[in-house]
Amino acid sequence: MDIIEMIRELYGDSCVFCPPLVESRYNEANELVFEELFEVLKISNGIKETMKFPNQEERIVIGWIIYPLDDIKSQTEHYINEYSGEGVVFVGNGAGGFFILKSDGKVYIREYFDEDEELYSDSLAEYFRKWHCPKSE
């Protein structure tokens, strides 16, 4: 199952797909992100998470499932400059920390209060299963 299908299955109508990354930015994206994440951005340049107001039909955006390229770029630059890290920041954790996809395909978490990164999952797909359903570990 590819990442887009997995997100659709896990989040259902709680996710909003953005327009695809424009082709004129493919080279920029390809230089920054790894193949699996690049393939997602080509379909949706960022994926938002939403929730429904109680007793209303309106949905509001509550965060990102995957950042758009501009946010990936700025957050990754901050991560490299601040922590001398390696990898690509693709989303925050909602509590001041962020998730980093490394070149080996593993995902690490860096909490805002911690000095070290911690292995979170062995792949992007495992990250989505684990992050969306943390009790299933």
C-alpha atoms as a PDB file:
ATOM      1  CA  MET A   1       0.000   0.000   0.000  1.00  0.00           C
ATOM      2  CA  ASP A   2       1.455   3.373  -0.902  1.00  0.00           C
ATOM      3  CA  ILE A   3       1.615   6.257   1.574  1.00  0.00           C
ATOM      4  CA  ILE A   4      -1.282   8.232   0.050  1.00  0.00           C
ATOM      5  CA  GLU A   5      -3.581   5.187   0.202  1.00  0.00           C
ATOM      6  CA  MET A   6      -2.483   4.492   3.771  1.00  0.00           C
ATOM      7  CA  ILE A   7      -3.240   8.073   4.840  1.00  0.00           C
ATOM      8  CA  ARG A   8      -6.656   7.903   3.180  1.00  0.00           C
ATOM      9  CA  GLU A   9      -7.391   4.641   4.992  1.00  0.00           C
ATOM     10  CA  LEU A  10      -6.107   5.786   8.393  1.00  0.00           C
ATOM     11  CA  TYR A  11      -7.532   9.315   8.413  1.00  0.00           C
ATOM     12  CA  GLY A  12     -10.661   8.941   6.271  1.00  0.00           C
ATOM     13  CA  ASP A  13     -12.465  12.245   5.892  1.00  0.00           C
ATOM     14  CA  SER A  14     -10.208  13.822   8.522  1.00  0.00           C
ATOM     15  CA  CYS A  15      -7.520  14.508   5.918  1.00  0.00           C
ATOM     16  CA  VAL A  16      -7.449  17.151   3.229  1.00  0.00           C
ATOM     17  CA  PHE A  17      -5.132  16.722   0.276  1.00  0.00           C
ATOM     18  CA  CYS A  18      -3.574  19.873  -1.149  1.00  0.00           C
ATOM     19  CA  PRO A  19      -2.941  20.527  -4.835  1.00  0.00           C
ATOM     20  CA  PRO A  20       0.060  18.615  -6.216  1.00  0.00           C
ATOM     21  CA  LEU A  21       3.538  20.102  -6.204  1.00  0.00           C
ATOM     22  CA  VAL A  22       3.980  22.077  -9.412  1.00  0.00           C
ATOM     23  CA  GLU A  23       6.356  20.448 -11.890  1.00  0.00           C
ATOM     24  CA  SER A  24       8.605  23.513 -11.945  1.00  0.00           C
ATOM     25  CA  ARG A  25       9.556  22.661  -8.324  1.00  0.00           C
ATOM     26  CA  TYR A  26      10.305  18.964  -8.904  1.00  0.00           C
ATOM     27  CA  ASN A  27      14.087  19.489  -9.086  1.00  0.00           C
ATOM     28  CA  GLU A  28      14.066  21.520  -5.871  1.00  0.00           C
ATOM     29  CA  ALA A  29      12.011  18.866  -4.092  1.00  0.00           C
ATOM     30  CA  ASN A  30      14.035  15.983  -5.466  1.00  0.00           C
ATOM     31  CA  GLU A  31      17.238  17.545  -4.112  1.00  0.00           C
ATOM     32  CA  LEU A  32      15.731  17.973  -0.632  1.00  0.00           C
ATOM     33  CA  VAL A  33      13.432  15.039   0.076  1.00  0.00           C
ATOM     34  CA  PHE A  34      13.811  11.304  -0.367  1.00  0.00           C
ATOM     35  CA  GLU A  35      11.953   9.375  -3.084  1.00  0.00           C
ATOM     36  CA  GLU A  36       9.037   8.137  -0.983  1.00  0.00           C
ATOM     37  CA  LEU A  37       8.237  11.617   0.306  1.00  0.00           C
ATOM     38  CA  PHE A  38       8.785  13.167  -3.142  1.00  0.00           C
ATOM     39  CA  GLU A  39       6.163  10.802  -4.582  1.00  0.00           C
ATOM     40  CA  VAL A  40       3.660  12.009  -1.966  1.00  0.00           C
ATOM     41  CA  LEU A  41       4.365  15.684  -2.730  1.00  0.00           C
ATOM     42  CA  LYS A  42       3.802  15.085  -6.444  1.00  0.00           C
ATOM     43  CA  ILE A  43       0.258  13.971  -5.563  1.00  0.00           C
ATOM     44  CA  SER A  44      -0.403  16.365  -2.682  1.00  0.00           C
ATOM     45  CA  ASN A  45       1.935  19.190  -1.664  1.00  0.00           C
ATOM     46  CA  GLY A  46       1.054  18.841   1.991  1.00  0.00           C
ATOM     47  CA  ILE A  47      -1.740  16.958   3.708  1.00  0.00           C
ATOM     48  CA  LYS A  48      -3.835  18.619   6.398  1.00  0.00           C
ATOM     49  CA  GLU A  49      -5.605  16.973   9.315  1.00  0.00           C
ATOM     50  CA  THR A  50      -9.070  18.228  10.151  1.00  0.00           C
ATOM     51  CA  MET A  51     -11.723  17.689  12.764  1.00  0.00           C
ATOM     52  CA  LYS A  52     -15.425  18.379  12.834  1.00  0.00           C
ATOM     53  CA  PHE A  53     -16.958  20.902  15.202  1.00  0.00           C
ATOM     54  CA  PRO A  54     -19.377  19.145  17.553  1.00  0.00           C
ATOM     55  CA  ASN A  55     -22.976  19.364  16.293  1.00  0.00           C
ATOM     56  CA  GLN A  56     -21.867  21.049  13.060  1.00  0.00           C
ATOM     57  CA  GLU A  57     -20.894  19.962   9.580  1.00  0.00           C
ATOM     58  CA  GLU A  58     -17.964  22.377   9.325  1.00  0.00           C
ATOM     59  CA  ARG A  59     -14.454  20.935   9.536  1.00  0.00           C
ATOM     60  CA  ILE A  60     -11.426  22.887  10.759  1.00  0.00           C
ATOM     61  CA  VAL A  61      -7.748  22.260  10.097  1.00  0.00           C
ATOM     62  CA  ILE A  62      -5.965  21.177  13.270  1.00  0.00           C
ATOM     63  CA  GLY A  63      -2.523  20.413  11.879  1.00  0.00           C
ATOM     64  CA  TRP A  64      -0.433  18.798   9.198  1.00  0.00           C
ATOM     65  CA  ILE A  65      -0.091  15.122   8.395  1.00  0.00           C
ATOM     66  CA  ILE A  66       2.734  15.977   5.989  1.00  0.00           C
ATOM     67  CA  TYR A  67       4.083  19.490   5.549  1.00  0.00           C
ATOM     68  CA  PRO A  68       4.061  21.145   2.116  1.00  0.00           C
ATOM     69  CA  LEU A  69       7.460  21.556   0.444  1.00  0.00           C
ATOM     70  CA  ASP A  70       8.011  25.133   1.676  1.00  0.00           C
ATOM     71  CA  ASP A  71       7.486  24.070   5.296  1.00  0.00           C
ATOM     72  CA  ILE A  72       9.618  20.951   4.828  1.00  0.00           C
ATOM     73  CA  LYS A  73      12.367  23.174   3.463  1.00  0.00           C
ATOM     74  CA  SER A  74      12.224  25.777   6.244  1.00  0.00           C
ATOM     75  CA  GLN A  75      11.856  23.241   9.069  1.00  0.00           C
ATOM     76  CA  THR A  76      14.693  21.113   7.674  1.00  0.00           C
ATOM     77  CA  GLU A  77      16.952  24.178   7.368  1.00  0.00           C
ATOM     78  CA  HIS A  78      16.174  25.079  10.986  1.00  0.00           C
ATOM     79  CA  TYR A  79      16.887  21.503  12.086  1.00  0.00           C
ATOM     80  CA  ILE A  80      20.228  21.396  10.260  1.00  0.00           C
ATOM     81  CA  ASN A  81      21.308  24.838  11.511  1.00  0.00           C
ATOM     82  CA  GLU A  82      20.132  24.349  15.084  1.00  0.00           C
ATOM     83  CA  TYR A  83      21.064  20.703  15.670  1.00  0.00           C
ATOM     84  CA  SER A  84      23.562  19.915  12.863  1.00  0.00           C
ATOM     85  CA  GLY A  85      21.243  17.067  11.970  1.00  0.00           C
ATOM     86  CA  GLU A  86      20.875  14.916   8.875  1.00  0.00           C
ATOM     87  CA  GLY A  87      17.532  14.144   7.326  1.00  0.00           C
ATOM     88  CA  VAL A  88      14.292  15.841   6.335  1.00  0.00           C
ATOM     89  CA  VAL A  89      11.737  17.280   8.763  1.00  0.00           C
ATOM     90  CA  PHE A  90       8.373  16.330   7.286  1.00  0.00           C
ATOM     91  CA  VAL A  91       5.955  17.172  10.108  1.00  0.00           C
ATOM     92  CA  GLY A  92       5.743  18.401  13.698  1.00  0.00           C
ATOM     93  CA  ASN A  93       4.500  16.246  16.546  1.00  0.00           C
ATOM     94  CA  GLY A  94       1.993  18.804  17.834  1.00  0.00           C
ATOM     95  CA  ALA A  95       3.981  19.451  21.010  1.00  0.00           C
ATOM     96  CA  GLY A  96       6.968  21.455  19.785  1.00  0.00           C
ATOM     97  CA  GLY A  97       8.983  18.521  18.467  1.00  0.00           C
ATOM     98  CA  PHE A  98       9.231  17.106  14.975  1.00  0.00           C
ATOM     99  CA  PHE A  99       9.721  13.963  12.938  1.00  0.00           C
ATOM    100  CA  ILE A 100      12.762  13.468  10.708  1.00  0.00           C
ATOM    101  CA  LEU A 101      12.983  11.082   7.769  1.00  0.00           C
ATOM    102  CA  LYS A 102      16.573   9.868   7.398  1.00  0.00           C
ATOM    103  CA  SER A 103      18.302   8.712   4.228  1.00  0.00           C
ATOM    104  CA  ASP A 104      18.018   5.076   5.343  1.00  0.00           C
ATOM    105  CA  GLY A 105      14.199   5.436   5.411  1.00  0.00           C
ATOM    106  CA  LYS A 106      13.926   5.413   9.213  1.00  0.00           C
ATOM    107  CA  VAL A 107      11.928   8.055  11.067  1.00  0.00           C
ATOM    108  CA  TYR A 108      13.241   9.735  14.199  1.00  0.00           C
ATOM    109  CA  ILE A 109      11.515  12.039  16.657  1.00  0.00           C
ATOM    110  CA  ARG A 110      13.177  15.047  18.223  1.00  0.00           C
ATOM    111  CA  GLU A 111      11.291  16.456  21.182  1.00  0.00           C
ATOM    112  CA  TYR A 112      11.747  20.159  21.893  1.00  0.00           C
ATOM    113  CA  PHE A 113      13.027  19.425  25.407  1.00  0.00           C
ATOM    114  CA  ASP A 114      15.418  16.595  24.524  1.00  0.00           C
ATOM    115  CA  GLU A 115      19.032  16.697  23.404  1.00  0.00           C
ATOM    116  CA  ASP A 116      18.834  13.510  21.379  1.00  0.00           C
ATOM    117  CA  GLU A 117      16.778  12.060  18.578  1.00  0.00           C
ATOM    118  CA  GLU A 118      14.988   8.806  19.183  1.00  0.00           C
ATOM    119  CA  LEU A 119      14.164   6.149  16.610  1.00  0.00           C
ATOM    120  CA  TYR A 120      10.415   6.203  16.113  1.00  0.00           C
ATOM    121  CA  SER A 121       9.887   3.779  13.233  1.00  0.00           C
ATOM    122  CA  ASP A 122      11.793   1.818  10.627  1.00  0.00           C
ATOM    123  CA  SER A 123       9.871   3.333   7.692  1.00  0.00           C
ATOM    124  CA  LEU A 124       7.481   6.082   6.691  1.00  0.00           C
ATOM    125  CA  ALA A 125       4.653   3.548   6.395  1.00  0.00           C
ATOM    126  CA  GLU A 126       5.329   2.239   9.905  1.00  0.00           C
ATOM    127  CA  TYR A 127       5.391   5.842  11.165  1.00  0.00           C
ATOM    128  CA  PHE A 128       1.845   6.426   9.891  1.00  0.00           C
ATOM    129  CA  ARG A 129       0.533   3.206  11.391  1.00  0.00           C
ATOM    130  CA  LYS A 130       2.220   3.922  14.716  1.00  0.00           C
ATOM    131  CA  TRP A 131       1.458   7.675  14.913  1.00  0.00           C
ATOM    132  CA  HIS A 132      -2.167   7.271  13.959  1.00  0.00           C
ATOM    133  CA  CYS A 133      -2.730   4.235  16.190  1.00  0.00           C
ATOM    134  CA  PRO A 134      -0.160   4.495  19.007  1.00  0.00           C
ATOM    135  CA  LYS A 135      -1.901   1.870  21.138  1.00  0.00           C
ATOM    136  CA  SER A 136      -1.293  -0.784  18.461  1.00  0.00           C
ATOM    137  CA  GLU A 137       2.468  -0.880  19.176  1.00  0.00           C
END
